[in-house]
Each structure stands twice: as C-alpha cells, then as structure tokens.
N, C-alpha and C. Protein backbone atom coordinates (compact mmCIF):
# COMPACT_ATOMS: atom_id res chain seq x y z
N MET A 1 1.03 -1.18 -0.09
CA MET A 1 -0.02 0.06 -0.05
C MET A 1 0.85 1.19 -0.02
N ASP A 2 2.21 1.25 -0.27
CA ASP A 2 3.13 2.37 -0.27
C ASP A 2 3.06 3.15 -1.64
N HIS A 3 2.55 2.56 -2.53
CA HIS A 3 2.63 3.31 -3.93
C HIS A 3 1.33 4.21 -3.92
N GLU A 4 1.52 5.41 -4.91
CA GLU A 4 0.50 6.32 -5.23
C GLU A 4 -0.24 5.57 -6.09
N PRO A 5 -1.61 5.70 -5.84
CA PRO A 5 -2.51 5.14 -7.07
C PRO A 5 -2.55 6.15 -8.23
N THR A 6 -2.60 5.36 -9.36
CA THR A 6 -2.69 6.28 -10.64
C THR A 6 -4.09 6.48 -10.94
N LEU A 7 -4.53 7.23 -12.04
CA LEU A 7 -5.68 7.54 -12.52
C LEU A 7 -6.60 6.08 -12.50
N MET A 8 -7.73 6.19 -12.05
CA MET A 8 -8.59 5.09 -11.81
C MET A 8 -10.14 5.47 -11.99
N SER A 9 -10.90 4.32 -12.27
CA SER A 9 -12.33 4.56 -12.33
C SER A 9 -12.87 4.52 -10.71
N PRO A 10 -14.08 5.04 -10.71
CA PRO A 10 -14.72 4.67 -9.56
C PRO A 10 -14.83 3.43 -9.00
N ASP A 11 -15.23 2.51 -9.95
CA ASP A 11 -15.27 1.16 -9.76
C ASP A 11 -13.91 0.38 -9.10
N HIS A 12 -12.73 0.66 -9.88
CA HIS A 12 -11.55 0.14 -9.20
C HIS A 12 -11.31 0.60 -8.06
N ALA A 13 -11.82 1.97 -7.66
CA ALA A 13 -11.49 2.51 -6.30
C ALA A 13 -12.19 1.80 -5.23
N LEU A 14 -13.59 1.66 -5.62
CA LEU A 14 -14.50 0.82 -4.74
C LEU A 14 -13.96 -0.62 -4.51
N ALA A 15 -13.57 -1.24 -5.47
CA ALA A 15 -12.86 -2.50 -5.17
C ALA A 15 -11.64 -2.46 -4.37
N GLU A 16 -10.76 -1.59 -4.48
CA GLU A 16 -9.69 -1.36 -3.85
C GLU A 16 -10.17 -1.01 -2.09
N LEU A 17 -11.26 -0.03 -2.16
CA LEU A 17 -11.66 0.33 -0.65
C LEU A 17 -12.27 -1.12 -0.18
N ALA A 18 -13.00 -1.96 -0.80
CA ALA A 18 -13.43 -3.25 -0.24
C ALA A 18 -12.28 -4.01 0.22
N MET A 19 -11.11 -4.06 -0.44
CA MET A 19 -10.08 -5.00 -0.39
C MET A 19 -9.37 -4.41 1.21
N ILE A 20 -9.32 -3.01 1.20
CA ILE A 20 -8.58 -2.33 2.37
C ILE A 20 -9.47 -2.47 3.58
N GLU A 21 -10.83 -2.48 3.43
CA GLU A 21 -11.51 -2.76 4.73
C GLU A 21 -11.67 -4.12 5.07
N SER A 22 -11.51 -5.08 3.94
CA SER A 22 -11.42 -6.55 4.44
C SER A 22 -10.07 -6.84 5.24
N ALA A 23 -9.23 -6.37 4.64
CA ALA A 23 -7.71 -6.63 5.29
C ALA A 23 -7.81 -6.03 6.70
N LEU A 24 -8.35 -4.83 6.97
CA LEU A 24 -8.53 -3.95 8.21
C LEU A 24 -9.34 -5.10 9.11
N HIS A 25 -10.39 -5.58 8.74
CA HIS A 25 -11.43 -6.47 9.54
C HIS A 25 -10.49 -7.75 10.00
N ALA A 26 -9.70 -8.35 9.23
CA ALA A 26 -8.97 -9.40 9.48
C ALA A 26 -8.01 -9.10 10.43
N THR A 27 -7.59 -7.96 10.84
CA THR A 27 -6.73 -7.57 12.04
C THR A 27 -7.21 -7.60 13.08
N GLY A 28 -8.57 -7.69 13.36
CA GLY A 28 -9.08 -7.68 14.57
C GLY A 28 -10.33 -6.58 14.96
N ALA A 29 -10.37 -6.18 16.17
CA ALA A 29 -11.26 -5.03 16.75
C ALA A 29 -11.15 -3.88 15.65
N VAL A 30 -12.06 -3.42 15.15
CA VAL A 30 -12.36 -2.00 14.16
C VAL A 30 -13.28 -1.06 14.86
N ASP A 31 -12.62 0.05 15.13
CA ASP A 31 -13.46 0.89 16.01
C ASP A 31 -13.95 2.04 15.08
N VAL A 32 -13.34 3.04 14.73
CA VAL A 32 -13.89 4.41 13.91
C VAL A 32 -13.53 4.13 12.49
N GLU A 33 -12.76 3.22 12.16
CA GLU A 33 -12.08 2.86 10.92
C GLU A 33 -13.44 2.47 9.93
N THR A 34 -14.38 1.70 10.28
CA THR A 34 -15.41 1.30 9.42
C THR A 34 -16.24 2.42 8.96
N PRO A 35 -16.71 3.26 10.15
CA PRO A 35 -17.33 4.43 9.59
C PRO A 35 -16.92 5.45 8.72
N ALA A 36 -15.56 5.49 9.18
CA ALA A 36 -14.77 6.42 8.42
C ALA A 36 -14.50 6.04 6.82
N LEU A 37 -14.34 4.79 6.69
CA LEU A 37 -14.25 4.14 5.39
C LEU A 37 -15.59 4.23 4.58
N ALA A 38 -16.68 3.92 5.26
CA ALA A 38 -17.86 4.11 4.62
C ALA A 38 -18.10 5.74 4.21
N GLN A 39 -17.65 6.62 5.11
CA GLN A 39 -17.76 7.93 4.58
C GLN A 39 -17.01 8.26 3.28
N VAL A 40 -15.90 7.56 3.26
CA VAL A 40 -15.09 7.66 2.05
C VAL A 40 -15.76 7.34 0.81
N ARG A 41 -16.55 5.93 1.00
CA ARG A 41 -17.21 5.52 0.01
C ARG A 41 -18.34 6.38 -0.49
N ARG A 42 -19.02 6.88 0.48
CA ARG A 42 -20.04 7.98 0.19
C ARG A 42 -19.77 8.87 -0.66
N ASP A 43 -18.58 9.73 -0.08
CA ASP A 43 -17.96 10.68 -0.86
C ASP A 43 -17.66 10.43 -2.41
N LEU A 44 -17.12 9.30 -2.53
CA LEU A 44 -16.59 8.92 -3.84
C LEU A 44 -17.90 8.74 -4.61
N LEU A 45 -18.91 7.87 -4.15
CA LEU A 45 -20.00 7.67 -5.03
C LEU A 45 -21.01 8.93 -5.26
N SER A 46 -20.68 9.88 -4.61
CA SER A 46 -21.57 11.14 -4.75
C SER A 46 -20.88 12.07 -5.53
N GLY A 47 -19.62 11.76 -5.73
CA GLY A 47 -18.49 12.76 -6.69
C GLY A 47 -17.95 13.91 -6.02
N LYS A 48 -18.15 13.95 -4.50
CA LYS A 48 -17.32 14.72 -3.60
C LYS A 48 -15.90 14.49 -3.60
N MET A 49 -15.53 13.27 -3.89
CA MET A 49 -14.17 12.74 -3.70
C MET A 49 -13.86 12.05 -5.09
N ASP A 50 -12.77 12.27 -5.64
CA ASP A 50 -12.29 11.59 -6.96
C ASP A 50 -11.77 10.12 -6.50
N PRO A 51 -11.53 9.14 -7.13
CA PRO A 51 -11.30 7.92 -6.89
C PRO A 51 -9.68 7.73 -6.47
N LYS A 52 -8.71 8.61 -7.03
CA LYS A 52 -7.42 8.51 -6.18
C LYS A 52 -7.34 9.23 -4.83
N GLU A 53 -8.20 10.26 -4.61
CA GLU A 53 -8.31 10.96 -3.46
C GLU A 53 -8.81 9.89 -2.38
N ALA A 54 -9.91 9.16 -2.77
CA ALA A 54 -10.64 8.22 -1.90
C ALA A 54 -9.59 7.08 -1.38
N ILE A 55 -8.90 6.58 -2.40
CA ILE A 55 -7.71 5.54 -1.96
C ILE A 55 -6.64 6.05 -1.08
N ILE A 56 -6.39 7.22 -1.30
CA ILE A 56 -5.25 8.11 -0.47
C ILE A 56 -5.72 8.21 0.90
N LYS A 57 -6.95 8.62 0.99
CA LYS A 57 -7.79 8.78 2.28
C LYS A 57 -7.81 7.53 2.98
N ALA A 58 -8.38 6.52 2.30
CA ALA A 58 -8.70 5.17 2.86
C ALA A 58 -7.17 4.64 3.52
N ARG A 59 -6.33 4.80 2.74
CA ARG A 59 -4.95 4.26 3.25
C ARG A 59 -4.57 5.06 4.43
N LYS A 60 -4.62 6.35 4.52
CA LYS A 60 -4.42 7.30 5.74
C LYS A 60 -5.24 6.69 7.12
N ILE A 61 -6.48 6.34 6.63
CA ILE A 61 -7.45 5.69 7.79
C ILE A 61 -6.48 4.57 8.42
N VAL A 62 -6.20 3.74 7.66
CA VAL A 62 -5.61 2.44 8.09
C VAL A 62 -4.17 2.85 8.64
N GLU A 63 -3.32 3.40 7.95
CA GLU A 63 -2.19 3.94 8.68
C GLU A 63 -2.39 4.67 10.14
N GLY A 64 -3.38 5.46 10.19
CA GLY A 64 -3.83 5.96 11.51
C GLY A 64 -4.07 4.89 12.51
N ARG A 65 -4.54 3.84 12.13
CA ARG A 65 -4.91 3.06 13.13
C ARG A 65 -3.62 2.07 13.46
N TYR A 66 -2.61 1.93 12.71
CA TYR A 66 -1.43 1.20 12.85
C TYR A 66 -0.45 2.08 13.66
N ASP A 67 -0.44 3.34 13.60
CA ASP A 67 0.23 4.43 14.38
C ASP A 67 -0.27 4.30 15.70
N TYR A 68 -1.80 4.34 15.97
CA TYR A 68 -2.35 4.39 17.03
C TYR A 68 -2.03 3.16 18.05
N HIS A 69 -2.17 1.99 17.44
CA HIS A 69 -2.10 0.66 18.06
C HIS A 69 -0.76 0.15 18.06
C-alpha cells in the first residue's frame, strides 16, 4: 500500500476500498475505521471525492490505526 494510486475509475477505487476494509477487519477489532471508510465510499459515490483521493484517504485511515495501536 505504499505506492501512489494512478488514474482509476470509481469502480476500481470501490474494489480497492473493499480490499482495504477486508484486510482491516482481518486484523481484529475495528473502531472508528469502518464508519470513516464508509464515509469515504459515500463521498466517492456522490462525486465529492475522486477515486485517487478516496484511496489515499482510506490508506491514511488504516495507517492511522497502525500508528495508534
């Protein structure tokens, strides 16, 4: 997850968001990350956030979890 995402479609971003969320849930207890990722998904689907920005934000949410724990 260290590389910058390139141009992508919303569908590609949604697939990557699903993989990020799945990997996150596999690590155990998930507190604020699930609602935060859901908001990223809503912003992407509503056009408030472009696909690249959505992936970057989702990765930061996960990184924040690892920095916290």
